[in-house]
Each structure stands twice: as C-alpha cells, then as structure tokens.
Amino acid sequence: MTPSVPSFRLDGKCALVTGAGRGIGRAIAEAYAASGAEVTLLARSRDEIEAVASDLRAADLRATAVAADITDVAAFDALLADHPPVDVFVNNAGTNRPKPLSEVTEDDFDAVMSLNLRAAVFAAKAVTGQMIAHGRKGSIINMSSQMGHVGAENRTLYCASKWAIEGFTKALAVEIGSYGIRVNTICPTFIETPMTTPFLEEPIFRQSVLSKIKLGRFGQVDDITGAALFLASDASSLMTGSAMILDGGWTAD
C-alpha cells in the first residue's frame, strides 16, 4: 500500500495574519498566499501592508490589506463581523520593552501586556467565535517565543506575556477542540527583523545571544514560515495545545 503524502497546500482557505506589515508576519502572509490561501494582512501601518498585498496580487495571488489596531477590541470585533469566515488565524502582533524590573514602569507593563496578551486573547476570542458560528474547523497560531519557556535578564515583562500565551493556548485548545479548531504556538529564538535589529547590533548582547543558540546563528524569517505553513495545513491535523520551539537549541539545556 502506498503511503499518503500530507499536503501543505492551503487552497480554499481564508487566512488572517496580524502584524503582517514586516518581519515574521509578512513572511507568513506571503507563504500562505503562495500556498493557495486567500490572505488578509492586518497591521496599523497601512502603507506597509498595502505594499505587500499589492506585490502579492501582482504575482496573481490573493491578498487584502486591512489597516487596524489590534488593541482596539471593539474595532477588531466589528472588522471581523464583515470579514469572510477565517480558517487560519495567526496572532502575530507583538512588542517588547527590555529592561531590568527595577526600571519597568506602569506604561511599559501596559504597552507590552496590552498587545502581547490582552489583544491576543480577545482577537482569538473573536476569531474562534466566528469559526464556531460558521461551523469552520481550522487553526489558531499564537506567536509566542522561546521566552515563553525560559527566563532571561531584562525580559521580565516579555517572558510574563509569552508564558501567559503558552498557558492560554493550552487552555483554549482544551476548550474548543471538540469544534475541530486547533490552537498551537510558534516559539522562535531571536529572529533578525526590524524589531530585533537594534538589540542584535550591540556587540556584547549579540555574542551573549549567539552563545546560547546551539546552531550558532540567529534565525531568519524563512526559518519560521515552514512551521507556520505546517500548523495552518491539514498536515498538522492531530496537533493542538502544543508549542513548536524554533530556537536553534536554546532551551535544550
């Protein structure tokens, strides 16, 4: 008997990616479109997402840009009410304000938790509610981090937000598994993106990070798209409540 080969294609699926104007979010949106999905790119930066969507359409792929602030829960709910039912949702928008806890302000806490946790939770609530209402099975992918599994200096807020996302993901997977909706996280190490470049250019910090990555290099956005495609596709149909840790071996010891 010839074994069946799983498909990573997303033909006929509708995907929504937040934080899609640059970095990891943009790369995932492009990979999904190239794999046959109809992709909605969402971010606050209208010019960035319009440019990406335009490039994808020029390549005969299906992409729409929607400028919105994911932290505005009511606005996101309203947007989703007019959006076609989603099959794949990538909860990617995030931020960081690295500093010692002794220097953390209430504004820092509110900024990090508002985007990394509060917005992610309520966006997932809205999307899964829509999926259930329309009887759509599918995949929720919460962008976490290796810092959702370990600790590091100057990362108390960021670690707190990502450890929370890991717990949220497991609980939501338990809660909605019976609807055929899968919920998982992707947990990258330091990926070279516009957000991380200022940190990674500092020589001492750069060497410190590299010393912990067993493969000896920083990640690139293309290192993430394979996992995102796997989790979005039927190839991962039995995976939920889990974390894909793409950390070059950081958390192995």
Foldseek 3Di string as FASTA:
>chain_A
DDDDDFDLADAPFEEEFEPCLWFLNVVQQLLNQVRHYQYEYEEQPQVSQVVSQVVSVVVVTHYHYDHDDLLPLVVLLVVVVPDPQHAEYELEDFAADFDAPVPDDPVRLCRHCSRLPVSSVSNVVSNVVSCLVVLHAHEYEYEAAVLLVDPDGSCPSNSVSRVVVLVVQLVVCVVCVVSNYAGEYEHEAAEDIPRCVVVCVPVVSVVVSLVLQQQRDHHYSVLCNVVSSCRGGCVCSPDHSYYHYHYNCNPVD
